Structures are given as C-alpha cells and as structure tokens.
C-alpha cells in the first residue's frame, strides 16, 4: 500500500499524480488539492477551477489581480 504524502495515511486505493515530471501519491482528492492546487497570489484562496494567471502568478479573480497591479484582468461569467 502506498502512503499519502500529505496526511501519511496508508490506503489500498491511493493514487498517483505525475505533475511537472514528479510522482505524487495521495489517498484522496482533498490531499491532492492541498498539495498541488495553485493559490491566489493576493488572498491565498486555493484555485479549484478557472483562475487567472499573469507573469507566472495566479489570481482567483480580477479584483485580486488588479490589487496586485495587473489591471488588464477581467472576470468572465
């Protein structure tokens, strides 16, 4: 059984994710999200859906991007 690299749980249904050429092992999606999901550069929110990116930095919304000095970002509905 593999051991989750976030919580340390050994689980017979653990899964692996290859991200940027590195193998990661998790026992649940919550641990995978905790480890791999980007965070908003302004407020720290975990980005689970469509975030925004500018110059290698991630933002959860146009407000956070503008607050960080990226005025061209616009939210899409």
PDB file of N, CA and C in Angstrom:
ATOM      1  N   UNK A   1       0.834  -1.189   0.000  1.00  0.00           N
ATOM      2  CA  UNK A   1       0.000   0.000   0.000  1.00  0.00           C
ATOM      3  C   UNK A   1       0.876   1.249   0.000  1.00  0.00           C
ATOM      4  N   UNK A   2       0.454   2.206  -0.786  1.00  0.00           N
ATOM      5  CA  UNK A   2       1.172   3.473  -0.815  1.00  0.00           C
ATOM      6  C   UNK A   2       0.722   4.367   0.333  1.00  0.00           C
ATOM      7  N   UNK A   3       1.581   5.289   0.713  1.00  0.00           N
ATOM      8  CA  UNK A   3       1.305   6.225   1.799  1.00  0.00           C
ATOM      9  C   UNK A   3       1.097   7.621   1.208  1.00  0.00           C
ATOM     10  N   UNK A   4       0.032   8.292   1.636  1.00  0.00           N
ATOM     11  CA  UNK A   4      -0.261   9.650   1.178  1.00  0.00           C
ATOM     12  C   UNK A   4       0.840  10.592   1.650  1.00  0.00           C
ATOM     13  N   UNK A   5       1.359  11.391   0.743  1.00  0.00           N
ATOM     14  CA  UNK A   5       2.453  12.299   1.105  1.00  0.00           C
ATOM     15  C   UNK A   5       1.992  13.518   1.884  1.00  0.00           C
ATOM     16  N   UNK A   6       0.689  13.749   1.966  1.00  0.00           N
ATOM     17  CA  UNK A   6       0.178  14.890   2.733  1.00  0.00           C
ATOM     18  C   UNK A   6      -0.184  14.469   4.155  1.00  0.00           C
ATOM     19  N   UNK A   7      -1.025  13.448   4.292  1.00  0.00           N
ATOM     20  CA  UNK A   7      -1.518  13.078   5.624  1.00  0.00           C
ATOM     21  C   UNK A   7      -0.844  11.837   6.203  1.00  0.00           C
ATOM     22  N   UNK A   8      -0.099  11.100   5.367  1.00  0.00           N
ATOM     23  CA  UNK A   8       0.601   9.914   5.844  1.00  0.00           C
ATOM     24  C   UNK A   8      -0.239   8.654   5.932  1.00  0.00           C
ATOM     25  N   UNK A   9      -1.493   8.743   5.534  1.00  0.00           N
ATOM     26  CA  UNK A   9      -2.380   7.583   5.582  1.00  0.00           C
ATOM     27  C   UNK A   9      -1.947   6.520   4.571  1.00  0.00           C
ATOM     28  N   UNK A  10      -1.910   5.274   5.006  1.00  0.00           N
ATOM     29  CA  UNK A  10      -1.694   4.162   4.072  1.00  0.00           C
ATOM     30  C   UNK A  10      -3.068   3.677   3.647  1.00  0.00           C
ATOM     31  N   UNK A  11      -3.262   3.575   2.339  1.00  0.00           N
ATOM     32  CA  UNK A  11      -4.598   3.288   1.821  1.00  0.00           C
ATOM     33  C   UNK A  11      -4.468   2.417   0.588  1.00  0.00           C
ATOM     34  N   UNK A  12      -5.282   1.367   0.518  1.00  0.00           N
ATOM     35  CA  UNK A  12      -5.184   0.444  -0.616  1.00  0.00           C
ATOM     36  C   UNK A  12      -5.706   1.042  -1.915  1.00  0.00           C
ATOM     37  N   UNK A  13      -6.379   2.178  -1.851  1.00  0.00           N
ATOM     38  CA  UNK A  13      -6.889   2.839  -3.060  1.00  0.00           C
ATOM     39  C   UNK A  13      -6.173   4.167  -3.321  1.00  0.00           C
ATOM     40  N   UNK A  14      -4.975   4.311  -2.779  1.00  0.00           N
ATOM     41  CA  UNK A  14      -4.192   5.516  -3.041  1.00  0.00           C
ATOM     42  C   UNK A  14      -3.939   5.634  -4.541  1.00  0.00           C
ATOM     43  N   UNK A  15      -3.717   6.835  -5.002  1.00  0.00           N
ATOM     44  CA  UNK A  15      -3.481   7.057  -6.427  1.00  0.00           C
ATOM     45  C   UNK A  15      -2.277   7.956  -6.597  1.00  0.00           C
ATOM     46  N   UNK A  16      -1.728   7.938  -7.786  1.00  0.00           N
ATOM     47  CA  UNK A  16      -0.572   8.779  -8.057  1.00  0.00           C
ATOM     48  C   UNK A  16      -0.905   9.821  -9.108  1.00  0.00           C
ATOM     49  N   UNK A  17      -0.237  10.936  -8.990  1.00  0.00           N
ATOM     50  CA  UNK A  17      -0.356  12.027  -9.948  1.00  0.00           C
ATOM     51  C   UNK A  17       1.060  12.399 -10.354  1.00  0.00           C
ATOM     52  N   UNK A  18       1.295  12.475 -11.654  1.00  0.00           N
ATOM     53  CA  UNK A  18       2.577  12.948 -12.154  1.00  0.00           C
ATOM     54  C   UNK A  18       2.379  14.415 -12.510  1.00  0.00           C
ATOM     55  N   UNK A  19       3.100  15.289 -11.822  1.00  0.00           N
ATOM     56  CA  UNK A  19       2.946  16.729 -12.016  1.00  0.00           C
ATOM     57  C   UNK A  19       4.332  17.321 -12.232  1.00  0.00           C
ATOM     58  N   UNK A  20       4.529  17.965 -13.369  1.00  0.00           N
ATOM     59  CA  UNK A  20       5.838  18.525 -13.723  1.00  0.00           C
ATOM     60  C   UNK A  20       6.944  17.480 -13.625  1.00  0.00           C
ATOM     61  N   UNK A  21       6.605  16.248 -14.008  1.00  0.00           N
ATOM     62  CA  UNK A  21       7.596  15.174 -14.029  1.00  0.00           C
ATOM     63  C   UNK A  21       7.873  14.530 -12.682  1.00  0.00           C
ATOM     64  N   UNK A  22       7.166  14.952 -11.637  1.00  0.00           N
ATOM     65  CA  UNK A  22       7.369  14.398 -10.305  1.00  0.00           C
ATOM     66  C   UNK A  22       6.164  13.566  -9.901  1.00  0.00           C
ATOM     67  N   UNK A  23       6.426  12.375  -9.348  1.00  0.00           N
ATOM     68  CA  UNK A  23       5.353  11.477  -8.908  1.00  0.00           C
ATOM     69  C   UNK A  23       4.912  11.868  -7.502  1.00  0.00           C
ATOM     70  N   UNK A  24       3.594  11.991  -7.337  1.00  0.00           N
ATOM     71  CA  UNK A  24       2.991  12.278  -6.034  1.00  0.00           C
ATOM     72  C   UNK A  24       1.979  11.186  -5.733  1.00  0.00           C
ATOM     73  N   UNK A  25       1.847  10.805  -4.472  1.00  0.00           N
ATOM     74  CA  UNK A  25       0.883   9.790  -4.053  1.00  0.00           C
ATOM     75  C   UNK A  25      -0.062  10.403  -3.028  1.00  0.00           C
ATOM     76  N   UNK A  26      -1.372  10.190  -3.231  1.00  0.00           N
ATOM     77  CA  UNK A  26      -2.401  10.733  -2.342  1.00  0.00           C
ATOM     78  C   UNK A  26      -3.441   9.666  -2.033  1.00  0.00           C
ATOM     79  N   UNK A  27      -4.087   9.817  -0.889  1.00  0.00           N
ATOM     80  CA  UNK A  27      -5.165   8.889  -0.540  1.00  0.00           C
ATOM     81  C   UNK A  27      -6.536   9.457  -0.873  1.00  0.00           C
ATOM     82  N   UNK A  28      -6.615  10.767  -1.194  1.00  0.00           N
ATOM     83  CA  UNK A  28      -7.893  11.378  -1.545  1.00  0.00           C
ATOM     84  C   UNK A  28      -7.636  12.647  -2.358  1.00  0.00           C
ATOM     85  N   UNK A  29      -8.681  13.126  -3.008  1.00  0.00           N
ATOM     86  CA  UNK A  29      -8.562  14.346  -3.803  1.00  0.00           C
ATOM     87  C   UNK A  29      -8.271  15.556  -2.929  1.00  0.00           C
ATOM     88  N   UNK A  30      -8.801  15.573  -1.702  1.00  0.00           N
ATOM     89  CA  UNK A  30      -8.558  16.711  -0.815  1.00  0.00           C
ATOM     90  C   UNK A  30      -7.062  16.896  -0.556  1.00  0.00           C
ATOM     91  N   UNK A  31      -6.349  15.800  -0.332  1.00  0.00           N
ATOM     92  CA  UNK A  31      -4.905  15.892  -0.110  1.00  0.00           C
ATOM     93  C   UNK A  31      -4.182  16.328  -1.382  1.00  0.00           C
ATOM     94  N   UNK A  32      -4.631  15.824  -2.534  1.00  0.00           N
ATOM     95  CA  UNK A  32      -4.013  16.216  -3.806  1.00  0.00           C
ATOM     96  C   UNK A  32      -4.208  17.706  -4.049  1.00  0.00           C
ATOM     97  N   UNK A  33      -5.400  18.211  -3.787  1.00  0.00           N
ATOM     98  CA  UNK A  33      -5.680  19.640  -3.957  1.00  0.00           C
ATOM     99  C   UNK A  33      -4.822  20.457  -3.004  1.00  0.00           C
ATOM    100  N   UNK A  34      -4.753  20.021  -1.762  1.00  0.00           N
ATOM    101  CA  UNK A  34      -3.951  20.735  -0.763  1.00  0.00           C
ATOM    102  C   UNK A  34      -2.495  20.881  -1.211  1.00  0.00           C
ATOM    103  N   UNK A  35      -1.968  19.845  -1.812  1.00  0.00           N
ATOM    104  CA  UNK A  35      -0.558  19.838  -2.215  1.00  0.00           C
ATOM    105  C   UNK A  35      -0.309  20.536  -3.556  1.00  0.00           C
ATOM    106  N   UNK A  36      -1.189  20.323  -4.542  1.00  0.00           N
ATOM    107  CA  UNK A  36      -0.880  20.707  -5.918  1.00  0.00           C
ATOM    108  C   UNK A  36      -1.616  21.923  -6.471  1.00  0.00           C
ATOM    109  N   UNK A  37      -2.762  22.264  -5.910  1.00  0.00           N
ATOM    110  CA  UNK A  37      -3.540  23.371  -6.482  1.00  0.00           C
ATOM    111  C   UNK A  37      -2.833  24.703  -6.240  1.00  0.00           C
ATOM    112  N   UNK A  38      -2.850  25.575  -7.250  1.00  0.00           N
ATOM    113  CA  UNK A  38      -2.248  26.900  -7.046  1.00  0.00           C
ATOM    114  C   UNK A  38      -3.079  27.718  -6.067  1.00  0.00           C
ATOM    115  N   UNK A  39      -2.447  28.717  -5.477  1.00  0.00           N
ATOM    116  CA  UNK A  39      -3.110  29.626  -4.549  1.00  0.00           C
ATOM    117  C   UNK A  39      -3.096  31.030  -5.152  1.00  0.00           C
ATOM    118  N   UNK A  40      -4.135  31.789  -4.840  1.00  0.00           N
ATOM    119  CA  UNK A  40      -4.194  33.175  -5.297  1.00  0.00           C
ATOM    120  C   UNK A  40      -3.018  33.948  -4.701  1.00  0.00           C
ATOM    121  N   UNK A  41      -2.310  34.659  -5.543  1.00  0.00           N
ATOM    122  CA  UNK A  41      -1.149  35.422  -5.120  1.00  0.00           C
ATOM    123  C   UNK A  41      -1.521  36.562  -4.166  1.00  0.00           C
ATOM    124  N   UNK A  42      -2.783  37.016  -4.204  1.00  0.00           N
ATOM    125  CA  UNK A  42      -3.210  38.134  -3.374  1.00  0.00           C
ATOM    126  C   UNK A  42      -3.850  37.678  -2.069  1.00  0.00           C
ATOM    127  N   UNK A  43      -4.844  36.790  -2.143  1.00  0.00           N
ATOM    128  CA  UNK A  43      -5.600  36.432  -0.938  1.00  0.00           C
ATOM    129  C   UNK A  43      -5.326  35.023  -0.427  1.00  0.00           C
ATOM    130  N   UNK A  44      -4.645  34.209  -1.213  1.00  0.00           N
ATOM    131  CA  UNK A  44      -4.302  32.859  -0.768  1.00  0.00           C
ATOM    132  C   UNK A  44      -5.367  31.806  -0.999  1.00  0.00           C
ATOM    133  N   UNK A  45      -6.481  32.166  -1.613  1.00  0.00           N
ATOM    134  CA  UNK A  45      -7.539  31.201  -1.894  1.00  0.00           C
ATOM    135  C   UNK A  45      -7.004  30.081  -2.778  1.00  0.00           C
ATOM    136  N   UNK A  46      -7.374  28.835  -2.463  1.00  0.00           N
ATOM    137  CA  UNK A  46      -6.995  27.706  -3.297  1.00  0.00           C
ATOM    138  C   UNK A  46      -7.809  27.744  -4.578  1.00  0.00           C
ATOM    139  N   UNK A  47      -7.149  27.655  -5.716  1.00  0.00           N
ATOM    140  CA  UNK A  47      -7.832  27.718  -7.001  1.00  0.00           C
ATOM    141  C   UNK A  47      -8.222  26.313  -7.447  1.00  0.00           C
ATOM    142  N   UNK A  48      -9.506  26.030  -7.399  1.00  0.00           N
ATOM    143  CA  UNK A  48     -10.015  24.721  -7.798  1.00  0.00           C
ATOM    144  C   UNK A  48     -10.581  24.736  -9.207  1.00  0.00           C
ATOM    145  N   UNK A  49     -10.911  25.879  -9.693  1.00  0.00           N
ATOM    146  CA  UNK A  49     -11.493  25.999 -11.025  1.00  0.00           C
ATOM    147  C   UNK A  49     -10.629  26.869 -11.906  1.00  0.00           C
ATOM    148  N   UNK A  50     -11.293  27.709 -12.664  1.00  0.00           N
ATOM    149  CA  UNK A  50     -10.589  28.582 -13.594  1.00  0.00           C
ATOM    150  C   UNK A  50     -10.102  29.829 -12.868  1.00  0.00           C
ATOM    151  N   UNK A  51      -8.836  29.875 -12.596  1.00  0.00           N
ATOM    152  CA  UNK A  51      -8.245  31.071 -12.020  1.00  0.00           C
ATOM    153  C   UNK A  51      -7.723  31.950 -13.145  1.00  0.00           C
ATOM    154  N   UNK A  52      -6.934  32.901 -12.782  1.00  0.00           N
ATOM    155  CA  UNK A  52      -6.309  33.801 -13.748  1.00  0.00           C
ATOM    156  C   UNK A  52      -4.811  33.745 -13.521  1.00  0.00           C
ATOM    157  N   UNK A  53      -4.058  33.898 -14.593  1.00  0.00           N
ATOM    158  CA  UNK A  53      -2.610  33.852 -14.480  1.00  0.00           C
ATOM    159  C   UNK A  53      -1.995  34.997 -15.266  1.00  0.00           C
ATOM    160  N   UNK A  54      -1.006  35.613 -14.669  1.00  0.00           N
ATOM    161  CA  UNK A  54      -0.267  36.676 -15.334  1.00  0.00           C
ATOM    162  C   UNK A  54       1.168  36.633 -14.826  1.00  0.00           C
ATOM    163  N   UNK A  55       2.103  36.538 -15.749  1.00  0.00           N
ATOM    164  CA  UNK A  55       3.535  36.525 -15.421  1.00  0.00           C
ATOM    165  C   UNK A  55       3.880  35.475 -14.373  1.00  0.00           C
ATOM    166  N   UNK A  56       3.243  34.293 -14.499  1.00  0.00           N
ATOM    167  CA  UNK A  56       3.543  33.182 -13.603  1.00  0.00           C
ATOM    168  C   UNK A  56       2.894  33.267 -12.235  1.00  0.00           C
ATOM    169  N   UNK A  57       2.045  34.262 -12.015  1.00  0.00           N
ATOM    170  CA  UNK A  57       1.332  34.402 -10.742  1.00  0.00           C
ATOM    171  C   UNK A  57      -0.140  34.126 -10.975  1.00  0.00           C
ATOM    172  N   UNK A  58      -0.776  33.478  -9.989  1.00  0.00           N
ATOM    173  CA  UNK A  58      -2.177  33.088 -10.108  1.00  0.00           C
ATOM    174  C   UNK A  58      -3.052  33.979  -9.239  1.00  0.00           C
ATOM    175  N   UNK A  59      -4.284  34.212  -9.734  1.00  0.00           N
ATOM    176  CA  UNK A  59      -5.257  35.028  -9.017  1.00  0.00           C
ATOM    177  C   UNK A  59      -6.610  34.338  -9.098  1.00  0.00           C
ATOM    178  N   UNK A  60      -7.416  34.515  -8.037  1.00  0.00           N
ATOM    179  CA  UNK A  60      -8.735  33.884  -8.032  1.00  0.00           C
ATOM    180  C   UNK A  60      -9.771  34.716  -8.784  1.00  0.00           C
ATOM    181  N   UNK A  61      -9.525  36.020  -8.921  1.00  0.00           N
ATOM    182  CA  UNK A  61     -10.495  36.899  -9.582  1.00  0.00           C
ATOM    183  C   UNK A  61      -9.791  38.161 -10.076  1.00  0.00           C
ATOM    184  N   UNK A  62     -10.505  38.917 -10.879  1.00  0.00           N
ATOM    185  CA  UNK A  62      -9.938  40.150 -11.433  1.00  0.00           C
ATOM    186  C   UNK A  62      -9.642  41.167 -10.331  1.00  0.00           C
ATOM    187  N   UNK A  63     -10.454  41.203  -9.286  1.00  0.00           N
ATOM    188  CA  UNK A  63     -10.211  42.133  -8.185  1.00  0.00           C
ATOM    189  C   UNK A  63      -8.842  41.878  -7.553  1.00  0.00           C
ATOM    190  N   UNK A  64      -8.534  40.605  -7.287  1.00  0.00           N
ATOM    191  CA  UNK A  64      -7.234  40.269  -6.698  1.00  0.00           C
ATOM    192  C   UNK A  64      -6.095  40.583  -7.669  1.00  0.00           C
ATOM    193  N   UNK A  65      -6.311  40.334  -8.951  1.00  0.00           N
ATOM    194  CA  UNK A  65      -5.274  40.644  -9.947  1.00  0.00           C
ATOM    195  C   UNK A  65      -5.036  42.149 -10.001  1.00  0.00           C
ATOM    196  N   UNK A  66      -6.104  42.933 -10.037  1.00  0.00           N
ATOM    197  CA  UNK A  66      -5.959  44.392 -10.064  1.00  0.00           C
ATOM    198  C   UNK A  66      -5.278  44.897  -8.796  1.00  0.00           C
ATOM    199  N   UNK A  67      -5.609  44.289  -7.652  1.00  0.00           N
ATOM    200  CA  UNK A  67      -4.976  44.677  -6.386  1.00  0.00           C
ATOM    201  C   UNK A  67      -3.472  44.426  -6.413  1.00  0.00           C
ATOM    202  N   UNK A  68      -3.062  43.461  -7.228  1.00  0.00           N
ATOM    203  CA  UNK A  68      -1.631  43.127  -7.350  1.00  0.00           C
ATOM    204  C   UNK A  68      -0.967  43.883  -8.486  1.00  0.00           C
ATOM    205  N   UNK A  69      -1.702  44.826  -9.101  1.00  0.00           N
ATOM    206  CA  UNK A  69      -1.112  45.634 -10.164  1.00  0.00           C
ATOM    207  C   UNK A  69      -1.224  45.055 -11.556  1.00  0.00           C
ATOM    208  N   UNK A  70      -2.235  44.200 -11.779  1.00  0.00           N
ATOM    209  CA  UNK A  70      -2.482  43.614 -13.095  1.00  0.00           C
ATOM    210  C   UNK A  70      -3.858  44.112 -13.558  1.00  0.00           C
ATOM    211  N   UNK A  71      -3.936  45.337 -14.077  1.00  0.00           N
ATOM    212  CA  UNK A  71      -5.219  45.969 -14.372  1.00  0.00           C
ATOM    213  C   UNK A  71      -5.988  45.368 -15.556  1.00  0.00           C
ATOM    214  N   UNK A  72      -5.307  44.663 -16.432  1.00  0.00           N
ATOM    215  CA  UNK A  72      -5.970  44.157 -17.636  1.00  0.00           C
ATOM    216  C   UNK A  72      -6.851  42.922 -17.394  1.00  0.00           C
ATOM    217  N   UNK A  73      -6.803  42.332 -16.201  1.00  0.00           N
ATOM    218  CA  UNK A  73      -7.603  41.126 -15.922  1.00  0.00           C
ATOM    219  C   UNK A  73      -9.070  41.486 -15.758  1.00  0.00           C
ATOM    220  N   UNK A  74      -9.936  40.645 -16.326  1.00  0.00           N
ATOM    221  CA  UNK A  74     -11.381  40.835 -16.213  1.00  0.00           C
ATOM    222  C   UNK A  74     -12.009  39.487 -15.883  1.00  0.00           C
ATOM    223  N   UNK A  75     -12.989  39.507 -14.980  1.00  0.00           N
ATOM    224  CA  UNK A  75     -13.747  38.293 -14.680  1.00  0.00           C
ATOM    225  C   UNK A  75     -14.626  37.948 -15.864  1.00  0.00           C
ATOM    226  N   UNK A  76     -14.841  36.661 -16.057  1.00  0.00           N
ATOM    227  CA  UNK A  76     -15.751  36.196 -17.111  1.00  0.00           C
ATOM    228  C   UNK A  76     -16.889  35.440 -16.455  1.00  0.00           C
ATOM    229  N   UNK A  77     -18.080  35.652 -16.950  1.00  0.00           N
ATOM    230  CA  UNK A  77     -19.242  34.963 -16.382  1.00  0.00           C
ATOM    231  C   UNK A  77     -19.711  33.892 -17.326  1.00  0.00           C
TER     232      UNK A  77
END
